[in-house]
Structure formats: structure tokens, C-alpha cells
N, C-alpha and C. Protein backbone atom coordinates (compact mmCIF):
# COMPACT_ATOMS: atom_id res chain seq x y z
N MET A 1 0.76 -1.32 0.01
CA MET A 1 0.30 -0.16 -0.09
C MET A 1 0.87 0.97 -0.05
N PRO A 2 0.50 2.08 -0.83
CA PRO A 2 1.50 3.21 -1.20
C PRO A 2 1.29 4.14 0.07
N PRO A 3 2.36 5.03 0.60
CA PRO A 3 2.03 5.88 1.65
C PRO A 3 1.02 7.23 1.36
N ILE A 4 0.94 7.55 2.38
CA ILE A 4 -0.21 8.88 2.22
C ILE A 4 0.60 10.14 2.44
N VAL A 5 1.26 10.67 1.16
CA VAL A 5 1.84 11.95 1.26
C VAL A 5 1.03 12.88 0.62
N SER A 6 0.93 13.92 1.27
CA SER A 6 0.24 14.94 1.29
C SER A 6 1.18 16.48 0.83
N LEU A 7 0.57 16.63 -0.47
CA LEU A 7 1.60 17.76 -0.91
C LEU A 7 1.07 19.11 -0.40
N VAL A 8 1.88 20.09 0.22
CA VAL A 8 1.37 21.59 1.18
C VAL A 8 2.24 22.49 0.24
N THR A 9 1.87 23.56 0.64
CA THR A 9 2.84 24.77 0.14
C THR A 9 3.48 24.93 1.61
N PRO A 10 4.54 25.50 1.22
CA PRO A 10 5.49 25.74 2.29
C PRO A 10 4.93 26.64 3.53
N ASP A 11 5.16 26.33 4.78
CA ASP A 11 4.71 26.62 5.75
C ASP A 11 5.30 26.77 7.15
N VAL A 12 5.73 27.89 7.73
CA VAL A 12 6.39 27.97 8.90
C VAL A 12 5.83 26.72 10.16
N ALA A 13 4.99 25.97 9.93
CA ALA A 13 4.59 24.97 10.96
C ALA A 13 5.21 23.79 10.71
N HIS A 14 5.84 23.56 9.80
CA HIS A 14 6.78 22.32 9.30
C HIS A 14 8.10 22.79 9.87
N ALA A 15 8.34 23.69 10.39
CA ALA A 15 9.95 24.09 10.69
C ALA A 15 10.73 23.19 11.32
N GLU A 16 10.24 22.45 11.98
CA GLU A 16 11.20 21.38 13.03
C GLU A 16 11.47 20.10 12.08
N SER A 17 10.54 19.81 11.18
CA SER A 17 10.94 18.82 10.45
C SER A 17 11.44 19.09 9.14
N VAL A 18 11.45 19.92 8.54
CA VAL A 18 12.08 20.86 7.37
C VAL A 18 13.71 20.63 7.66
N LEU A 19 13.74 21.56 8.96
CA LEU A 19 15.24 21.63 9.47
C LEU A 19 15.68 20.15 9.45
N ALA A 20 15.33 19.27 10.16
CA ALA A 20 15.67 18.09 10.34
C ALA A 20 16.27 17.44 8.91
N GLY A 21 15.23 17.65 7.87
CA GLY A 21 15.36 17.00 6.42
C GLY A 21 16.48 17.59 5.55
N LEU A 22 16.82 19.37 5.88
CA LEU A 22 17.74 20.30 5.14
C LEU A 22 19.28 19.37 6.08
N ARG A 23 19.03 19.22 7.30
CA ARG A 23 20.22 18.71 7.95
C ARG A 23 20.85 17.25 7.03
N GLU A 24 19.65 16.39 6.90
CA GLU A 24 20.16 15.32 6.37
C GLU A 24 20.32 15.19 5.19
N PHE A 25 19.71 16.28 4.28
CA PHE A 25 20.14 16.45 2.52
C PHE A 25 21.73 16.71 2.92
N ARG A 26 22.22 17.52 3.71
CA ARG A 26 23.34 18.40 3.66
C ARG A 26 24.42 17.41 3.94
N ALA A 27 24.13 16.52 5.15
CA ALA A 27 25.11 15.22 5.54
C ALA A 27 25.16 14.44 4.54
N GLU A 28 24.16 14.08 3.67
CA GLU A 28 24.56 13.10 2.41
C GLU A 28 25.60 13.99 1.31
N GLY A 29 25.54 15.22 1.19
CA GLY A 29 26.32 15.84 0.59
C GLY A 29 26.21 15.76 -0.64
N LEU A 30 24.89 16.15 -1.02
CA LEU A 30 24.40 16.49 -2.51
C LEU A 30 24.30 17.67 -2.80
N PRO A 31 25.31 18.24 -3.97
CA PRO A 31 25.31 19.40 -4.37
C PRO A 31 24.57 20.68 -3.97
N TRP A 32 23.34 20.41 -4.39
CA TRP A 32 22.60 21.37 -4.38
C TRP A 32 21.95 21.75 -3.15
N TYR A 33 22.03 20.66 -2.32
CA TYR A 33 21.68 21.14 -0.81
C TYR A 33 23.27 21.53 -0.06
N GLY A 34 24.28 21.18 -0.40
CA GLY A 34 25.62 21.93 0.24
C GLY A 34 25.59 23.47 0.33
N ALA A 35 24.96 24.03 -0.40
CA ALA A 35 24.73 25.56 0.08
C ALA A 35 23.91 25.68 0.78
N VAL A 36 23.09 24.57 1.28
CA VAL A 36 21.80 25.34 2.02
C VAL A 36 22.50 25.15 3.54
N ASP A 37 22.87 26.48 4.36
CA ASP A 37 23.25 25.96 6.04
C ASP A 37 21.69 25.82 6.49
N PRO A 38 21.55 24.61 6.92
CA PRO A 38 20.35 24.67 8.18
C PRO A 38 20.35 25.65 9.40
N ASP A 39 21.35 25.85 9.96
CA ASP A 39 21.42 26.85 11.02
C ASP A 39 21.04 28.23 10.25
N VAL A 40 21.67 28.82 9.22
CA VAL A 40 20.83 30.28 8.62
C VAL A 40 19.72 30.02 8.17
N VAL A 41 19.08 28.89 8.07
CA VAL A 41 17.68 28.84 7.41
C VAL A 41 16.82 28.92 8.78
N ALA A 42 17.21 28.11 9.80
CA ALA A 42 16.60 28.42 11.27
C ALA A 42 16.57 29.46 11.50
N ALA A 43 17.81 30.56 11.59
CA ALA A 43 17.73 31.68 12.12
C ALA A 43 16.27 32.60 11.39
N ASP A 44 16.17 32.42 10.15
CA ASP A 44 15.00 33.08 9.57
C ASP A 44 14.11 32.04 8.67
N PHE A 45 13.47 31.40 9.24
CA PHE A 45 12.63 30.37 8.64
C PHE A 45 11.25 30.82 7.77
N ALA A 46 10.85 31.98 8.57
CA ALA A 46 9.76 32.67 7.87
C ALA A 46 10.30 33.25 6.65
N GLY A 47 11.60 33.64 6.75
CA GLY A 47 12.23 34.28 5.37
C GLY A 47 12.46 33.15 4.46
N PHE A 48 12.60 31.97 5.02
CA PHE A 48 12.81 30.75 4.18
C PHE A 48 11.57 30.43 3.25
N VAL A 49 10.78 30.33 3.80
CA VAL A 49 9.19 30.19 3.29
C VAL A 49 8.91 31.07 2.65
N ARG A 50 8.92 32.47 2.91
CA ARG A 50 8.56 33.19 1.92
C ARG A 50 9.43 33.01 0.83
N ALA A 51 10.82 33.24 0.82
CA ALA A 51 11.78 32.89 -0.60
C ALA A 51 11.18 31.71 -1.39
N GLN A 52 10.42 30.62 -0.87
CA GLN A 52 9.90 29.32 -1.46
C GLN A 52 8.73 29.90 -2.11
N HIS A 53 7.70 30.82 -1.74
CA HIS A 53 6.64 31.24 -2.27
C HIS A 53 7.05 32.26 -3.64
N GLU A 54 8.02 32.81 -3.20
CA GLU A 54 8.39 33.76 -4.40
C GLU A 54 8.81 33.45 -5.41
N LYS A 55 9.36 32.12 -5.38
CA LYS A 55 9.55 31.45 -6.81
C LYS A 55 8.62 31.53 -7.56
N ARG A 56 7.25 31.21 -7.26
CA ARG A 56 6.54 31.39 -8.25
C ARG A 56 6.01 32.84 -8.65
N THR A 57 5.96 33.64 -7.78
CA THR A 57 5.33 35.13 -7.90
C THR A 57 6.42 36.08 -8.67
N HIS A 58 7.70 35.97 -8.04
CA HIS A 58 8.83 36.69 -8.11
C HIS A 58 10.03 35.79 -8.58
N PRO A 59 10.14 35.29 -9.54
CA PRO A 59 11.37 34.43 -9.70
C PRO A 59 12.53 35.67 -10.21
N ARG A 60 13.67 34.93 -9.62
CA ARG A 60 15.09 35.32 -9.98
C ARG A 60 15.04 36.15 -11.26
N PRO A 61 15.84 36.73 -11.97
CA PRO A 61 16.19 37.04 -13.31
C PRO A 61 16.53 36.02 -13.93
N GLY A 62 15.96 35.40 -15.16
CA GLY A 62 16.57 34.38 -16.06
C GLY A 62 15.86 33.30 -15.69
N ALA A 63 15.25 33.17 -14.43
CA ALA A 63 14.72 32.10 -14.31
C ALA A 63 12.71 31.90 -14.73
N VAL A 64 12.15 31.02 -14.59
CA VAL A 64 10.63 31.04 -14.69
C VAL A 64 10.06 30.51 -13.35
N PRO A 65 8.82 31.10 -13.59
CA PRO A 65 7.76 30.64 -11.95
C PRO A 65 8.04 29.17 -11.57
N LYS A 66 8.26 28.78 -10.43
CA LYS A 66 8.20 27.51 -10.08
C LYS A 66 7.47 27.57 -8.85
N THR A 67 6.53 26.58 -8.62
CA THR A 67 5.77 26.09 -7.58
C THR A 67 6.30 24.96 -6.64
N GLU A 68 6.59 25.46 -5.45
CA GLU A 68 7.52 24.85 -4.89
C GLU A 68 6.42 23.99 -3.93
N LEU A 69 6.56 22.62 -3.36
CA LEU A 69 5.44 21.96 -2.63
C LEU A 69 6.39 21.15 -1.53
N TRP A 70 5.92 20.92 -0.52
CA TRP A 70 6.82 19.56 0.20
C TRP A 70 5.55 18.78 0.72
N GLY A 71 6.42 17.88 0.43
CA GLY A 71 5.72 16.14 1.13
C GLY A 71 5.53 16.20 2.46
N VAL A 72 4.23 15.93 3.01
CA VAL A 72 4.23 15.61 4.22
C VAL A 72 3.60 14.58 4.59
N MET A 73 3.90 13.56 5.27
CA MET A 73 3.34 12.32 5.86
C MET A 73 3.12 12.15 7.51
N ASP A 74 2.20 12.46 7.92
CA ASP A 74 1.63 12.41 9.43
C ASP A 74 2.30 13.85 9.90
N GLY A 75 2.21 14.60 9.48
CA GLY A 75 2.66 15.99 9.83
C GLY A 75 3.78 16.44 9.84
N VAL A 76 4.79 15.33 9.04
CA VAL A 76 6.27 15.30 9.14
C VAL A 76 6.59 15.50 7.59
N TYR A 77 7.42 16.30 7.38
CA TYR A 77 8.11 16.57 6.24
C TYR A 77 9.10 15.63 5.62
N VAL A 78 8.52 15.02 4.59
CA VAL A 78 9.67 14.13 4.04
C VAL A 78 9.95 14.13 2.60
N GLY A 79 9.83 15.57 1.82
CA GLY A 79 10.50 15.60 0.71
C GLY A 79 10.07 17.04 0.17
N ARG A 80 10.60 17.35 -1.00
CA ARG A 80 9.84 18.24 -1.75
C ARG A 80 9.67 18.15 -3.04
N ILE A 81 8.72 18.94 -3.95
CA ILE A 81 9.09 18.59 -5.53
C ILE A 81 8.84 19.89 -6.10
N GLY A 82 9.26 20.59 -7.03
CA GLY A 82 9.37 21.69 -7.39
C GLY A 82 9.07 21.61 -9.07
N ILE A 83 7.58 22.59 -9.31
CA ILE A 83 7.09 22.30 -10.63
C ILE A 83 7.75 23.53 -11.58
N HIS A 84 8.55 23.69 -12.44
CA HIS A 84 8.88 24.84 -13.22
C HIS A 84 7.37 25.36 -14.39
N HIS A 85 7.02 26.42 -14.49
CA HIS A 85 5.83 26.50 -15.28
C HIS A 85 6.23 26.72 -16.78
N ALA A 86 7.42 26.64 -16.79
CA ALA A 86 7.71 26.84 -18.35
C ALA A 86 9.34 26.09 -18.54
N LEU A 87 9.77 25.82 -19.52
CA LEU A 87 11.36 25.57 -19.90
C LEU A 87 11.82 26.55 -20.44
N THR A 88 13.40 26.46 -19.94
CA THR A 88 14.42 27.38 -20.61
C THR A 88 14.97 26.37 -20.94
N ASP A 89 15.99 27.17 -21.80
CA ASP A 89 17.24 26.35 -22.77
C ASP A 89 17.71 25.03 -21.59
N ASN A 90 18.22 25.84 -20.50
CA ASN A 90 18.81 25.09 -19.09
C ASN A 90 18.29 23.75 -18.65
N LEU A 91 16.83 23.91 -18.33
CA LEU A 91 15.98 22.90 -17.98
C LEU A 91 15.79 22.09 -19.00
N ARG A 92 15.61 22.32 -20.09
CA ARG A 92 15.32 21.49 -21.36
C ARG A 92 16.21 20.67 -21.13
N VAL A 93 17.85 20.56 -20.44
CA VAL A 93 18.92 19.84 -20.73
C VAL A 93 19.22 19.26 -19.34
N LEU A 94 18.76 19.94 -18.33
CA LEU A 94 19.27 19.59 -17.06
C LEU A 94 18.25 19.00 -16.08
N GLY A 95 17.06 19.70 -16.00
CA GLY A 95 15.91 20.07 -15.16
C GLY A 95 14.85 19.31 -15.25
N GLY A 96 14.32 19.69 -16.48
CA GLY A 96 12.83 19.47 -17.08
C GLY A 96 11.79 20.53 -15.79
N HIS A 97 10.70 20.18 -16.17
CA HIS A 97 9.49 20.76 -15.57
C HIS A 97 9.38 20.41 -13.90
N ILE A 98 9.90 19.25 -13.83
CA ILE A 98 9.69 18.75 -12.16
C ILE A 98 10.75 18.17 -11.70
N GLY A 99 11.16 18.51 -10.54
CA GLY A 99 12.10 18.18 -9.50
C GLY A 99 11.60 17.70 -7.97
N TYR A 100 12.44 16.77 -7.72
CA TYR A 100 11.70 16.11 -6.29
C TYR A 100 13.31 15.56 -5.16
N ASP A 101 13.07 15.84 -4.36
CA ASP A 101 13.99 15.18 -3.27
C ASP A 101 13.31 14.37 -2.40
N THR A 102 13.58 13.14 -1.81
CA THR A 102 12.91 12.47 -0.39
C THR A 102 13.94 12.73 0.38
N ARG A 103 13.70 12.98 1.44
CA ARG A 103 14.44 13.05 2.83
C ARG A 103 15.41 11.48 3.01
N PRO A 104 16.24 11.28 3.04
CA PRO A 104 16.99 10.25 3.15
C PRO A 104 16.50 9.19 3.81
N GLY A 105 16.08 9.38 5.38
CA GLY A 105 15.23 8.30 5.96
C GLY A 105 13.98 7.97 5.82
N TYR A 106 13.53 8.44 4.61
CA TYR A 106 12.00 8.32 3.96
C TYR A 106 12.39 7.58 2.56
N ARG A 107 13.30 7.56 2.15
CA ARG A 107 13.32 6.69 0.84
C ARG A 107 13.24 5.19 0.71
N GLY A 108 12.65 4.73 -0.37
CA GLY A 108 12.30 3.11 -0.24
C GLY A 108 11.44 2.86 -0.02
N ARG A 109 10.10 4.28 0.37
CA ARG A 109 8.82 3.75 0.87
C ARG A 109 7.54 4.13 -0.11
N GLY A 110 8.13 4.70 -1.43
CA GLY A 110 7.23 5.20 -2.15
C GLY A 110 6.64 6.55 -2.10
N VAL A 111 7.74 7.32 -0.90
CA VAL A 111 7.22 8.69 -1.03
C VAL A 111 7.13 9.57 -2.27
N ALA A 112 8.46 9.37 -3.40
CA ALA A 112 8.37 10.11 -3.96
C ALA A 112 7.52 9.98 -5.45
N THR A 113 7.20 8.43 -5.35
CA THR A 113 6.28 8.10 -6.43
C THR A 113 5.05 9.04 -6.08
N GLU A 114 4.43 8.93 -4.74
CA GLU A 114 3.33 9.68 -4.37
C GLU A 114 3.23 11.09 -4.83
N MET A 115 4.56 11.86 -4.43
CA MET A 115 4.89 13.37 -4.27
C MET A 115 4.44 13.48 -5.88
N LEU A 116 5.25 12.77 -6.94
CA LEU A 116 5.05 13.10 -8.02
C LEU A 116 3.69 12.86 -8.32
N ARG A 117 3.11 11.98 -8.16
CA ARG A 117 1.44 11.16 -8.53
C ARG A 117 0.69 12.71 -8.31
N SER A 118 0.98 13.11 -6.85
CA SER A 118 0.03 14.30 -6.72
C SER A 118 0.55 15.62 -7.05
N ALA A 119 1.86 15.62 -7.78
CA ALA A 119 2.39 17.01 -8.53
C ALA A 119 1.60 16.96 -9.75
N LEU A 120 1.10 16.12 -10.42
CA LEU A 120 0.92 16.11 -11.74
C LEU A 120 -0.21 16.97 -12.53
N PRO A 121 -1.32 16.55 -11.23
CA PRO A 121 -2.36 17.67 -11.52
C PRO A 121 -2.31 19.02 -10.99
N VAL A 122 -1.22 19.35 -10.44
CA VAL A 122 -0.84 20.43 -9.80
C VAL A 122 -0.32 21.36 -11.36
N ALA A 123 0.58 20.38 -11.97
CA ALA A 123 1.23 20.97 -13.06
C ALA A 123 0.31 21.08 -13.97
N ARG A 124 -0.89 20.35 -14.61
CA ARG A 124 -1.98 20.72 -15.23
C ARG A 124 -2.80 21.87 -14.88
N ARG A 125 -3.10 21.82 -13.57
CA ARG A 125 -3.55 23.54 -13.37
C ARG A 125 -2.94 24.65 -13.46
N ILE A 126 -1.74 24.60 -13.63
CA ILE A 126 -0.36 25.68 -14.01
C ILE A 126 -1.11 26.09 -15.36
N GLY A 127 -1.32 24.97 -16.26
CA GLY A 127 -1.33 25.00 -17.62
C GLY A 127 -0.67 24.27 -18.39
N LEU A 128 0.20 23.29 -17.88
CA LEU A 128 1.03 22.23 -18.70
C LEU A 128 0.10 21.37 -19.21
N SER A 129 0.58 20.74 -20.51
CA SER A 129 0.10 19.49 -21.08
C SER A 129 0.88 18.41 -21.07
N GLN A 130 1.96 18.62 -20.96
CA GLN A 130 2.92 17.77 -20.62
C GLN A 130 4.38 17.95 -19.82
N VAL A 131 4.75 16.89 -19.38
CA VAL A 131 6.06 17.45 -18.42
C VAL A 131 7.12 16.89 -18.70
N LEU A 132 8.40 17.30 -18.80
CA LEU A 132 9.57 16.95 -18.88
C LEU A 132 10.27 16.53 -17.60
N LEU A 133 10.88 15.41 -17.21
CA LEU A 133 11.32 15.14 -16.12
C LEU A 133 12.63 14.30 -16.59
N THR A 134 14.05 14.54 -16.16
CA THR A 134 15.17 14.49 -15.99
C THR A 134 15.99 13.72 -15.24
N CYS A 135 16.84 12.46 -15.47
CA CYS A 135 17.39 12.08 -14.33
C CYS A 135 18.67 11.09 -14.85
N ASP A 136 19.75 10.94 -13.88
CA ASP A 136 20.81 10.19 -14.24
C ASP A 136 20.29 8.79 -14.88
N ASP A 137 21.09 8.39 -15.80
CA ASP A 137 20.88 6.74 -16.20
C ASP A 137 21.02 5.62 -15.08
N THR A 138 21.97 6.23 -14.04
CA THR A 138 22.20 5.46 -13.11
C THR A 138 21.24 5.49 -11.79
N ASN A 139 20.43 6.35 -11.62
CA ASN A 139 19.32 6.73 -10.98
C ASN A 139 18.20 5.94 -10.98
N VAL A 140 18.13 4.60 -10.64
CA VAL A 140 17.51 3.44 -10.49
C VAL A 140 15.76 4.00 -9.67
N ALA A 141 16.37 4.46 -8.90
CA ALA A 141 14.94 4.85 -8.00
C ALA A 141 14.00 6.20 -8.83
N SER A 142 15.08 6.94 -8.91
CA SER A 142 14.01 7.84 -10.04
C SER A 142 13.62 7.61 -11.05
N ILE A 143 14.36 6.54 -11.95
CA ILE A 143 13.69 6.03 -13.17
C ILE A 143 12.17 5.17 -12.69
N ARG A 144 12.46 4.84 -11.73
CA ARG A 144 11.22 3.68 -11.28
C ARG A 144 10.23 4.57 -10.83
N VAL A 145 10.32 5.82 -9.96
CA VAL A 145 9.00 6.87 -9.93
C VAL A 145 8.73 7.36 -11.12
N ILE A 146 9.81 8.01 -12.10
CA ILE A 146 9.22 8.44 -13.23
C ILE A 146 8.39 7.81 -14.07
N GLU A 147 8.97 6.37 -14.09
CA GLU A 147 7.82 5.11 -14.77
C GLU A 147 6.84 5.07 -14.62
N ARG A 148 6.48 4.80 -13.22
CA ARG A 148 5.13 4.36 -12.48
C ARG A 148 4.12 5.55 -12.72
N ASN A 149 4.70 6.39 -12.77
CA ASN A 149 3.81 7.95 -13.11
C ASN A 149 3.45 8.13 -14.40
N GLY A 150 3.76 7.29 -15.57
CA GLY A 150 3.47 7.17 -16.76
C GLY A 150 4.98 7.96 -17.70
N GLY A 151 5.94 7.97 -17.06
CA GLY A 151 7.16 8.71 -18.03
C GLY A 151 7.46 7.97 -18.86
N VAL A 152 7.52 8.62 -20.32
CA VAL A 152 7.94 7.80 -21.41
C VAL A 152 9.24 8.19 -21.73
N LEU A 153 10.25 7.37 -22.09
CA LEU A 153 11.61 7.89 -22.38
C LEU A 153 11.44 8.20 -24.02
N GLU A 154 12.35 9.18 -23.53
CA GLU A 154 12.40 9.88 -25.13
C GLU A 154 13.68 9.82 -25.83
N ALA A 155 14.70 9.91 -24.48
CA ALA A 155 16.23 9.80 -25.41
C ALA A 155 16.98 9.99 -24.21
N THR A 156 18.23 9.34 -24.22
CA THR A 156 19.06 9.07 -23.26
C THR A 156 20.47 9.77 -24.01
N ARG A 157 21.13 10.88 -23.48
CA ARG A 157 22.09 11.45 -23.99
C ARG A 157 23.25 11.78 -22.89
N VAL A 158 24.80 11.44 -23.39
CA VAL A 158 25.70 11.45 -22.84
C VAL A 158 26.08 13.10 -23.19
N LEU A 159 25.99 13.80 -21.56
CA LEU A 159 26.32 15.47 -21.89
C LEU A 159 27.72 15.62 -21.51
N ASP A 160 28.12 14.58 -20.64
CA ASP A 160 29.62 15.10 -20.16
C ASP A 160 30.06 13.70 -19.67
N PRO A 161 31.15 13.12 -20.59
CA PRO A 161 32.02 12.09 -20.53
C PRO A 161 32.40 11.39 -19.16
N THR A 162 32.33 12.51 -18.15
CA THR A 162 32.81 11.98 -16.71
C THR A 162 31.41 11.72 -15.89
N ARG A 163 30.44 12.16 -16.31
CA ARG A 163 29.15 11.95 -15.60
C ARG A 163 28.16 10.88 -16.30
N PRO A 164 27.56 10.54 -15.60
CA PRO A 164 26.15 9.34 -16.35
C PRO A 164 25.67 9.90 -17.41
N PRO A 165 25.15 8.95 -18.04
CA PRO A 165 24.23 9.76 -19.27
C PRO A 165 22.78 10.41 -18.65
N LYS A 166 22.20 10.94 -19.25
CA LYS A 166 21.22 11.70 -18.34
C LYS A 166 19.71 11.18 -19.44
N ARG A 167 18.83 11.16 -18.65
CA ARG A 167 17.69 10.43 -19.53
C ARG A 167 16.59 11.30 -19.12
N TYR A 168 15.66 11.65 -20.24
CA TYR A 168 14.17 12.01 -20.97
C TYR A 168 13.19 11.86 -21.07
N TYR A 169 12.32 11.98 -19.53
CA TYR A 169 10.97 11.38 -19.95
C TYR A 169 10.00 12.68 -20.02
N TRP A 170 9.24 12.14 -20.97
CA TRP A 170 7.80 12.92 -20.98
C TRP A 170 6.61 12.53 -20.56
N ILE A 171 5.58 13.04 -19.59
CA ILE A 171 4.36 12.47 -19.17
C ILE A 171 3.25 13.37 -19.42
N SER A 172 2.38 12.91 -20.05
CA SER A 172 1.39 13.22 -20.44
C SER A 172 0.24 13.82 -19.51
N LEU A 173 -0.34 14.78 -19.46
CA LEU A 173 -1.20 15.37 -18.37
C LEU A 173 -2.57 15.59 -18.82
N ALA A 174 -2.87 14.77 -19.96
CA ALA A 174 -4.19 14.69 -20.73
C ALA A 174 -4.76 13.99 -19.40
N SER A 175 -4.70 12.88 -18.90
CA SER A 175 -5.88 12.14 -18.03
C SER A 175 -5.88 12.32 -16.65
N VAL A 176 -4.91 13.22 -16.24
CA VAL A 176 -4.68 13.58 -14.89
C VAL A 176 -5.65 14.59 -14.12
């Protein structure tokens, strides 16, 4: 039975578990979390939440609007998912419309699959008819998440010979 994961807009009510999650991500050494200092975020958590909302309403120069959502299970932050409202040239190559992360302590439980399943109707409401998702060819867990949600592999490309090939999936939103 899949876990019951709710997607919520970022809110200060989840400060404690979000900060715990940021510490887990940082300890894991993922490059996109290495720059996020949980202690700095904790010092102004309301500002951090505001910044998450502003990605949709006031994206930084050169960026597209992005809806950030948090996955919550039994009141605990278990991951995040972001939906870009459009694709830039860079997102077409490296990111796609949707990106997600599951807290290390909650992986292997179907959390990412459920977050993505719940995010697809949100993407449709934004006005997207299909979404691009990318992942490394070696990321078996992400491949499963995308394929379980209807992802159709368009291509696998080598972008850098020192890195794994990148997979490009499309998910139609016609039936979500």
C-alpha cells in the first residue's frame, strides 16, 4: 500500500521537520543542498518560507516561475517537489519541469512516487499539457518513480563523458 503523502505549500508550521530534513540532505553531500545551511535557514525560517513562495510569484532574473511544494506524512516533512511553469534552454537539458527530493530517512517507501503522482494535477492546473523530467541513467530509484507515473523515455544522452548519461522522460497530463 502506498504511503499517504500530502503536498502542502511551504509553511512555518513544518519548521522542525524541514530543518531536520535539510540537515539530512546536507549530511548526504548532495551538491544542491551543500549550499543550504540549516542553521542560517533556522535563524529566519519565515524568510525561507517566503522565498519558497516567491519562486512562483517573483522568480529571480532569467528563471521561470516555480511552484514549490512539500511532501508531508503524518505531519512530518518527507520531501519536496518543484514544478517549473515553463522550460528554459537549461531546464530542457538538465532539469525539466519537475524535480523532487525525498529525505534520506524516508527513501524506499514510495514517497517520491506519491509526491510526483500528486504534483501532476498541479502541473496541469498551471497550464502544462505535458511535463519533462530528467534523471541520471544510473538513478534506478528515480527511473522507477518517473515510469510508475507514466513517464515515456524520449532519449538518453551523454552530456559529459565523466558523468552518467541523462534520461529524458515526458509525462502527458491529458488524463490527470
